[in-house]
């Protein structure tokens, strides 16, 4: 389960960072996205990035 958790964690982290960038207006891609400059998406992105970090930490823990 280590590789799937690490992969999902990295994916969640990158998508979360993208959502933070779009929600704050720093990333305007794609140009017609409904997420641009909508702070709620920055909050969703922060939560998703935190979840991704949690999954990566869980994947790196040694087996009990």
PDB file of N, CA and C in Angstrom:
ATOM      1  N   UNK A   1       0.809  -1.197   0.000  1.00  0.00           N
ATOM      2  CA  UNK A   1       0.000   0.000   0.000  1.00  0.00           C
ATOM      3  C   UNK A   1       0.852   1.261   0.000  1.00  0.00           C
ATOM      4  N   UNK A   2       2.137   1.087   0.056  1.00  0.00           N
ATOM      5  CA  UNK A   2       3.010   2.239   0.150  1.00  0.00           C
ATOM      6  C   UNK A   2       3.028   3.068  -1.129  1.00  0.00           C
ATOM      7  N   UNK A   3       3.189   2.410  -2.267  1.00  0.00           N
ATOM      8  CA  UNK A   3       3.267   3.113  -3.550  1.00  0.00           C
ATOM      9  C   UNK A   3       1.947   3.811  -3.891  1.00  0.00           C
ATOM     10  N   UNK A   4       0.785   3.155  -3.734  1.00  0.00           N
ATOM     11  CA  UNK A   4      -0.470   3.863  -4.037  1.00  0.00           C
ATOM     12  C   UNK A   4      -0.699   5.085  -3.145  1.00  0.00           C
ATOM     13  N   UNK A   5      -0.380   4.985  -1.846  1.00  0.00           N
ATOM     14  CA  UNK A   5      -0.560   6.132  -0.962  1.00  0.00           C
ATOM     15  C   UNK A   5       0.373   7.271  -1.348  1.00  0.00           C
ATOM     16  N   UNK A   6       1.610   6.938  -1.690  1.00  0.00           N
ATOM     17  CA  UNK A   6       2.557   7.966  -2.094  1.00  0.00           C
ATOM     18  C   UNK A   6       2.116   8.626  -3.393  1.00  0.00           C
ATOM     19  N   UNK A   7       1.659   7.835  -4.353  1.00  0.00           N
ATOM     20  CA  UNK A   7       1.196   8.373  -5.635  1.00  0.00           C
ATOM     21  C   UNK A   7      -0.033   9.257  -5.447  1.00  0.00           C
ATOM     22  N   UNK A   8      -1.012   8.773  -4.697  1.00  0.00           N
ATOM     23  CA  UNK A   8      -2.214   9.574  -4.443  1.00  0.00           C
ATOM     24  C   UNK A   8      -1.887  10.839  -3.655  1.00  0.00           C
ATOM     25  N   UNK A   9      -0.957  10.732  -2.729  1.00  0.00           N
ATOM     26  CA  UNK A   9      -0.549  11.896  -1.951  1.00  0.00           C
ATOM     27  C   UNK A   9       0.095  12.964  -2.814  1.00  0.00           C
ATOM     28  N   UNK A  10       0.987  12.548  -3.704  1.00  0.00           N
ATOM     29  CA  UNK A  10       1.624  13.510  -4.607  1.00  0.00           C
ATOM     30  C   UNK A  10       0.612  14.150  -5.546  1.00  0.00           C
ATOM     31  N   UNK A  11      -0.288  13.346  -6.082  1.00  0.00           N
ATOM     32  CA  UNK A  11      -1.320  13.873  -6.971  1.00  0.00           C
ATOM     33  C   UNK A  11      -2.212  14.873  -6.234  1.00  0.00           C
ATOM     34  N   UNK A  12      -2.632  14.521  -5.024  1.00  0.00           N
ATOM     35  CA  UNK A  12      -3.473  15.424  -4.237  1.00  0.00           C
ATOM     36  C   UNK A  12      -2.729  16.713  -3.906  1.00  0.00           C
ATOM     37  N   UNK A  13      -1.448  16.618  -3.596  1.00  0.00           N
ATOM     38  CA  UNK A  13      -0.655  17.807  -3.296  1.00  0.00           C
ATOM     39  C   UNK A  13      -0.572  18.727  -4.508  1.00  0.00           C
ATOM     40  N   UNK A  14      -0.264  18.175  -5.675  1.00  0.00           N
ATOM     41  CA  UNK A  14      -0.132  19.001  -6.875  1.00  0.00           C
ATOM     42  C   UNK A  14      -1.456  19.624  -7.293  1.00  0.00           C
ATOM     43  N   UNK A  15      -2.535  18.859  -7.236  1.00  0.00           N
ATOM     44  CA  UNK A  15      -3.854  19.409  -7.584  1.00  0.00           C
ATOM     45  C   UNK A  15      -4.253  20.474  -6.559  1.00  0.00           C
ATOM     46  N   UNK A  16      -3.979  20.220  -5.297  1.00  0.00           N
ATOM     47  CA  UNK A  16      -4.276  21.206  -4.262  1.00  0.00           C
ATOM     48  C   UNK A  16      -3.523  22.507  -4.474  1.00  0.00           C
ATOM     49  N   UNK A  17      -2.247  22.409  -4.840  1.00  0.00           N
ATOM     50  CA  UNK A  17      -1.470  23.619  -5.114  1.00  0.00           C
ATOM     51  C   UNK A  17      -2.004  24.360  -6.336  1.00  0.00           C
ATOM     52  N   UNK A  18      -2.442  23.623  -7.350  1.00  0.00           N
ATOM     53  CA  UNK A  18      -3.050  24.249  -8.523  1.00  0.00           C
ATOM     54  C   UNK A  18      -4.322  24.989  -8.128  1.00  0.00           C
ATOM     55  N   UNK A  19      -5.161  24.356  -7.315  1.00  0.00           N
ATOM     56  CA  UNK A  19      -6.406  24.996  -6.878  1.00  0.00           C
ATOM     57  C   UNK A  19      -6.123  26.233  -6.032  1.00  0.00           C
ATOM     58  N   UNK A  20      -5.091  26.182  -5.200  1.00  0.00           N
ATOM     59  CA  UNK A  20      -4.717  27.360  -4.415  1.00  0.00           C
ATOM     60  C   UNK A  20      -4.307  28.491  -5.354  1.00  0.00           C
ATOM     61  N   UNK A  21      -3.491  28.168  -6.342  1.00  0.00           N
ATOM     62  CA  UNK A  21      -3.061  29.185  -7.302  1.00  0.00           C
ATOM     63  C   UNK A  21      -4.211  29.772  -8.095  1.00  0.00           C
ATOM     64  N   UNK A  22      -5.137  28.931  -8.519  1.00  0.00           N
ATOM     65  CA  UNK A  22      -6.289  29.435  -9.264  1.00  0.00           C
ATOM     66  C   UNK A  22      -7.222  30.228  -8.357  1.00  0.00           C
ATOM     67  N   UNK A  23      -7.454  29.753  -7.168  1.00  0.00           N
ATOM     68  CA  UNK A  23      -8.363  30.438  -6.251  1.00  0.00           C
ATOM     69  C   UNK A  23      -7.866  31.805  -5.839  1.00  0.00           C
ATOM     70  N   UNK A  24      -6.555  31.950  -5.715  1.00  0.00           N
ATOM     71  CA  UNK A  24      -5.990  33.248  -5.347  1.00  0.00           C
ATOM     72  C   UNK A  24      -5.751  34.140  -6.555  1.00  0.00           C
ATOM     73  N   UNK A  25      -5.913  33.603  -7.747  1.00  0.00           N
ATOM     74  CA  UNK A  25      -5.718  34.393  -8.959  1.00  0.00           C
ATOM     75  C   UNK A  25      -4.287  34.410  -9.458  1.00  0.00           C
ATOM     76  N   UNK A  26      -3.398  33.649  -8.828  1.00  0.00           N
ATOM     77  CA  UNK A  26      -2.001  33.610  -9.264  1.00  0.00           C
ATOM     78  C   UNK A  26      -1.818  32.787 -10.531  1.00  0.00           C
ATOM     79  N   UNK A  27      -2.667  31.789 -10.721  1.00  0.00           N
ATOM     80  CA  UNK A  27      -2.612  30.939 -11.911  1.00  0.00           C
ATOM     81  C   UNK A  27      -3.917  31.134 -12.664  1.00  0.00           C
ATOM     82  N   UNK A  28      -3.835  31.719 -13.847  1.00  0.00           N
ATOM     83  CA  UNK A  28      -5.033  31.968 -14.659  1.00  0.00           C
ATOM     84  C   UNK A  28      -5.073  30.977 -15.818  1.00  0.00           C
ATOM     85  N   UNK A  29      -5.075  29.698 -15.485  1.00  0.00           N
ATOM     86  CA  UNK A  29      -5.109  28.657 -16.501  1.00  0.00           C
ATOM     87  C   UNK A  29      -6.147  27.627 -16.125  1.00  0.00           C
ATOM     88  N   UNK A  30      -7.029  27.250 -16.974  1.00  0.00           N
ATOM     89  CA  UNK A  30      -7.326  27.861 -18.270  1.00  0.00           C
ATOM     90  C   UNK A  30      -7.991  29.226 -18.083  1.00  0.00           C
ATOM     91  N   UNK A  31      -7.931  30.042 -19.090  1.00  0.00           N
ATOM     92  CA  UNK A  31      -8.390  31.431 -18.964  1.00  0.00           C
ATOM     93  C   UNK A  31      -9.865  31.551 -18.591  1.00  0.00           C
ATOM     94  N   UNK A  32     -10.674  30.612 -19.001  1.00  0.00           N
ATOM     95  CA  UNK A  32     -12.112  30.710 -18.750  1.00  0.00           C
ATOM     96  C   UNK A  32     -12.563  29.859 -17.556  1.00  0.00           C
ATOM     97  N   UNK A  33     -11.674  29.539 -16.659  1.00  0.00           N
ATOM     98  CA  UNK A  33     -12.022  28.688 -15.519  1.00  0.00           C
ATOM     99  C   UNK A  33     -12.899  29.445 -14.517  1.00  0.00           C
ATOM    100  N   UNK A  34     -13.878  28.756 -13.982  1.00  0.00           N
ATOM    101  CA  UNK A  34     -14.761  29.343 -12.970  1.00  0.00           C
ATOM    102  C   UNK A  34     -14.073  29.445 -11.616  1.00  0.00           C
ATOM    103  N   UNK A  35     -12.884  28.874 -11.480  1.00  0.00           N
ATOM    104  CA  UNK A  35     -12.188  28.839 -10.201  1.00  0.00           C
ATOM    105  C   UNK A  35     -11.272  30.038  -9.982  1.00  0.00           C
ATOM    106  N   UNK A  36     -10.987  30.797 -11.019  1.00  0.00           N
ATOM    107  CA  UNK A  36     -10.010  31.882 -10.928  1.00  0.00           C
ATOM    108  C   UNK A  36     -10.544  32.995 -10.032  1.00  0.00           C
ATOM    109  N   UNK A  37      -9.722  33.389  -9.074  1.00  0.00           N
ATOM    110  CA  UNK A  37     -10.019  34.459  -8.112  1.00  0.00           C
ATOM    111  C   UNK A  37     -11.244  34.159  -7.251  1.00  0.00           C
ATOM    112  N   UNK A  38     -11.499  32.899  -6.979  1.00  0.00           N
ATOM    113  CA  UNK A  38     -12.570  32.483  -6.068  1.00  0.00           C
ATOM    114  C   UNK A  38     -11.906  31.842  -4.845  1.00  0.00           C
ATOM    115  N   UNK A  39     -11.860  32.582  -3.743  1.00  0.00           N
ATOM    116  CA  UNK A  39     -11.108  32.138  -2.569  1.00  0.00           C
ATOM    117  C   UNK A  39     -11.575  30.791  -2.017  1.00  0.00           C
ATOM    118  N   UNK A  40     -12.822  30.422  -2.232  1.00  0.00           N
ATOM    119  CA  UNK A  40     -13.267  29.121  -1.722  1.00  0.00           C
ATOM    120  C   UNK A  40     -12.443  27.999  -2.330  1.00  0.00           C
ATOM    121  N   UNK A  41     -11.993  28.161  -3.578  1.00  0.00           N
ATOM    122  CA  UNK A  41     -11.177  27.126  -4.212  1.00  0.00           C
ATOM    123  C   UNK A  41      -9.769  27.094  -3.631  1.00  0.00           C
ATOM    124  N   UNK A  42      -9.286  28.220  -3.148  1.00  0.00           N
ATOM    125  CA  UNK A  42      -7.997  28.223  -2.458  1.00  0.00           C
ATOM    126  C   UNK A  42      -8.104  27.431  -1.156  1.00  0.00           C
ATOM    127  N   UNK A  43      -9.233  27.567  -0.464  1.00  0.00           N
ATOM    128  CA  UNK A  43      -9.437  26.801   0.770  1.00  0.00           C
ATOM    129  C   UNK A  43      -9.576  25.306   0.477  1.00  0.00           C
ATOM    130  N   UNK A  44     -10.327  24.974  -0.572  1.00  0.00           N
ATOM    131  CA  UNK A  44     -10.442  23.565  -0.968  1.00  0.00           C
ATOM    132  C   UNK A  44      -9.064  23.008  -1.330  1.00  0.00           C
ATOM    133  N   UNK A  45      -8.272  23.806  -2.032  1.00  0.00           N
ATOM    134  CA  UNK A  45      -6.932  23.378  -2.416  1.00  0.00           C
ATOM    135  C   UNK A  45      -6.033  23.162  -1.215  1.00  0.00           C
ATOM    136  N   UNK A  46      -6.146  24.038  -0.225  1.00  0.00           N
ATOM    137  CA  UNK A  46      -5.341  23.877   0.989  1.00  0.00           C
ATOM    138  C   UNK A  46      -5.713  22.584   1.713  1.00  0.00           C
ATOM    139  N   UNK A  47      -7.004  22.292   1.770  1.00  0.00           N
ATOM    140  CA  UNK A  47      -7.445  21.051   2.415  1.00  0.00           C
ATOM    141  C   UNK A  47      -6.957  19.830   1.641  1.00  0.00           C
ATOM    142  N   UNK A  48      -7.041  19.891   0.315  1.00  0.00           N
ATOM    143  CA  UNK A  48      -6.589  18.764  -0.502  1.00  0.00           C
ATOM    144  C   UNK A  48      -5.075  18.588  -0.399  1.00  0.00           C
ATOM    145  N   UNK A  49      -4.326  19.692  -0.383  1.00  0.00           N
ATOM    146  CA  UNK A  49      -2.873  19.603  -0.242  1.00  0.00           C
ATOM    147  C   UNK A  49      -2.501  19.013   1.119  1.00  0.00           C
ATOM    148  N   UNK A  50      -3.221  19.408   2.164  1.00  0.00           N
ATOM    149  CA  UNK A  50      -2.962  18.844   3.496  1.00  0.00           C
ATOM    150  C   UNK A  50      -3.255  17.346   3.517  1.00  0.00           C
ATOM    151  N   UNK A  51      -4.330  16.948   2.857  1.00  0.00           N
ATOM    152  CA  UNK A  51      -4.648  15.523   2.755  1.00  0.00           C
ATOM    153  C   UNK A  51      -3.536  14.779   2.010  1.00  0.00           C
ATOM    154  N   UNK A  52      -3.028  15.379   0.946  1.00  0.00           N
ATOM    155  CA  UNK A  52      -1.940  14.767   0.188  1.00  0.00           C
ATOM    156  C   UNK A  52      -0.682  14.601   1.022  1.00  0.00           C
ATOM    157  N   UNK A  53      -0.357  15.612   1.804  1.00  0.00           N
ATOM    158  CA  UNK A  53       0.812  15.519   2.682  1.00  0.00           C
ATOM    159  C   UNK A  53       0.598  14.419   3.716  1.00  0.00           C
ATOM    160  N   UNK A  54      -0.617  14.345   4.250  1.00  0.00           N
ATOM    161  CA  UNK A  54      -0.932  13.284   5.211  1.00  0.00           C
ATOM    162  C   UNK A  54      -0.772  11.899   4.611  1.00  0.00           C
ATOM    163  N   UNK A  55      -1.229  11.724   3.377  1.00  0.00           N
ATOM    164  CA  UNK A  55      -1.072  10.426   2.710  1.00  0.00           C
ATOM    165  C   UNK A  55       0.399  10.088   2.486  1.00  0.00           C
ATOM    166  N   UNK A  56       1.199  11.089   2.124  1.00  0.00           N
ATOM    167  CA  UNK A  56       2.625  10.831   1.910  1.00  0.00           C
ATOM    168  C   UNK A  56       3.324  10.482   3.216  1.00  0.00           C
ATOM    169  N   UNK A  57       2.957  11.143   4.300  1.00  0.00           N
ATOM    170  CA  UNK A  57       3.531  10.815   5.608  1.00  0.00           C
ATOM    171  C   UNK A  57       3.132   9.397   6.006  1.00  0.00           C
ATOM    172  N   UNK A  58       1.873   9.060   5.773  1.00  0.00           N
ATOM    173  CA  UNK A  58       1.389   7.714   6.078  1.00  0.00           C
ATOM    174  C   UNK A  58       2.134   6.660   5.255  1.00  0.00           C
ATOM    175  N   UNK A  59       2.430   6.977   4.005  1.00  0.00           N
ATOM    176  CA  UNK A  59       3.138   6.033   3.140  1.00  0.00           C
ATOM    177  C   UNK A  59       4.589   5.842   3.572  1.00  0.00           C
ATOM    178  N   UNK A  60       5.182   6.855   4.185  1.00  0.00           N
ATOM    179  CA  UNK A  60       6.591   6.777   4.559  1.00  0.00           C
ATOM    180  C   UNK A  60       6.816   6.155   5.934  1.00  0.00           C
ATOM    181  N   UNK A  61       5.746   5.953   6.696  1.00  0.00           N
ATOM    182  CA  UNK A  61       5.902   5.354   8.023  1.00  0.00           C
ATOM    183  C   UNK A  61       6.315   3.894   7.897  1.00  0.00           C
ATOM    184  N   UNK A  62       7.184   3.452   8.777  1.00  0.00           N
ATOM    185  CA  UNK A  62       7.565   2.033   8.743  1.00  0.00           C
ATOM    186  C   UNK A  62       6.394   1.160   9.189  1.00  0.00           C
ATOM    187  N   UNK A  63       6.337  -0.065   8.697  1.00  0.00           N
ATOM    188  CA  UNK A  63       5.252  -0.968   9.105  1.00  0.00           C
ATOM    189  C   UNK A  63       5.301  -1.255  10.604  1.00  0.00           C
ATOM    190  N   UNK A  64       4.150  -1.428  11.182  1.00  0.00           N
ATOM    191  CA  UNK A  64       4.074  -1.658  12.641  1.00  0.00           C
ATOM    192  C   UNK A  64       4.472  -3.063  13.016  1.00  0.00           C
TER     193      UNK A  64
END
